[in-house]
Amino acid sequence: MPGLIEQQRFMCAIGGMQTVVAIPRAVPILHSGPGCGVMVTGFFDRAKGYAGGNTAPCSNFTEREVVFGGEEKLENLIRNTYKVLDTDLQVVLTGCTSAIVGDDAAQVTKKFAEEGKPIVFVDTPGFKCSNFEAHDLIVNAVIDQYVDLYAYNHTEKEPGLVNLFATIPYQDPFWKGNLEEFRRILEGIGLRVNLLFGPHSKGVEEWKTIPQASFNILVSPWYGLSIAEHLREKYGTPFYAFPYLPIGGNETTRFLRGVAEFAHLPEERVERFIAQEEKVFYEELDSLATFLLEFRYGLPGFVHILHDASYVIGVSKFLLHETGIVPKEQFVTDNVPEEHHEKIRAEMAKISDKKTIPVFFQPDAGAAQQQIREAAGESAGRGLIIGGGWDKMLARDLKYDFISASLPSPYRLVLTTGYAGYKGGLRLIEDIYGKVLDTYN
């Protein structure tokens, strides 16, 4: 999108360093100016991992390197990083200045790779793409330059082993909790899951088994698609795609049945697990009946969501069909490439056959807020906004309830909370109605 935008909810390509940070015992090495790492750290607050944030090695590109080049400085940085940090994988990422100057960081990195060092190079100048797209670039680079060294038997697949690509670490505040819930429910129907990221992953040893997976699972409307397609082409691994975050009973069951059908899993085990999970989920919803009846005139009746496409679709489906909160104008803020717009619109159109839910692809969240203000006069009842920290003041001005669920999120501490799956649906209900009860004196 040309021109300036306000309240950006994503980063430039070098923000993809958080993908590296999320791999246990991996370290990003920035061949960039020092401000790049500081900017990333500020945006992804509380996101330092094993060797990220302010501890990430950086070549600190200055005017001297602009004139004379920074390849020697990068080489020294990599060599010294091995002396100082005990790591299993290093990923060299380039910033704008080194890319413009023309440093051959790939060749520098290759020297260490030829020495047998576990090291990968990725071209990530900020002007190249967003961190959503950089996530795919980094994962594919690790596969091509590191995982492939161990892919001797990639034609021999391990039955029941799957690779999961379902969220972008740190860009999704709930990534740890979501991945853990995905693992729980997928193991519940008989699969073994390579999470690849986070504390429950086995780190690079798990990445080495990527080629042996019987199939891949992609939970996303667009990001991650190039990873799944790359693995299909490289190792012949098919993939099952689910185009949004499944939240609550209806959509999680749909997701699991889709996976089971794709993988030809035993129906009896799958349905037994689903029945038990639905029993727990809907018992909790039944217990809300008295509360919902008593407070029915004081609960949110409609919602605006400002989030990435996966959340906008998933949360809209869940709230409409399992809480009765009606989605009004929805805003996809992750700068989705235009070729994916129609697919997302089609998925939004399936949410209801009784009303059309307006969806706007709006990376300018300031403009999105203005649309919500203009629509406020036409809305009757109590409203809800689900978005980032910037939207808190908007909700206060309109006297709407507010849930902080996307970046930036300075008003909420998220550790292992997740919104995916059966447990995630219950947590989202707790968050919404807990906010409502907090307004009563």
Foldseek 3Di string as FASTA:
>chain_A
DDDDFAPFLFFFLVLLQLLQLQFAQEAEEEAEAPVVQQVSCVFLPPRCHPQGRPRHHYLNDDPVCLVVNCLVSSLVSVVVCVVVGDGQAYEYEYEASNVVSPHPNVVSQVVVVVVVHRYWYFYGYRVPGINLQSNLRVLVRSCVSPLVVLCPPLQAADQQEEEEAEDRPSQFLQVQQQLVQVQVLSVQLPHHYQPSGHPPHPGVVSVNCNSRHQAYEYEALDRPPVVRVVSCVPRVHHYDYHHAFAFALPRQLVVLVSVCVVSVGDPVSNVVSSVVLNVVLVVVVVVCVVVCVVCVQLAAQEEEEEEALRCQLNVQLLCCPPVVRHYAEYEHQPQDPPVSVVVSLVSQCVSDPPDRHHYYDDVRVVVVLVVCVVCLVVDDGAYEYEEAPVCPVSCVVSVHHYDHGGPPHPPDDRDNQHLHDNVNNVVVVCRRVVSSVVPDD
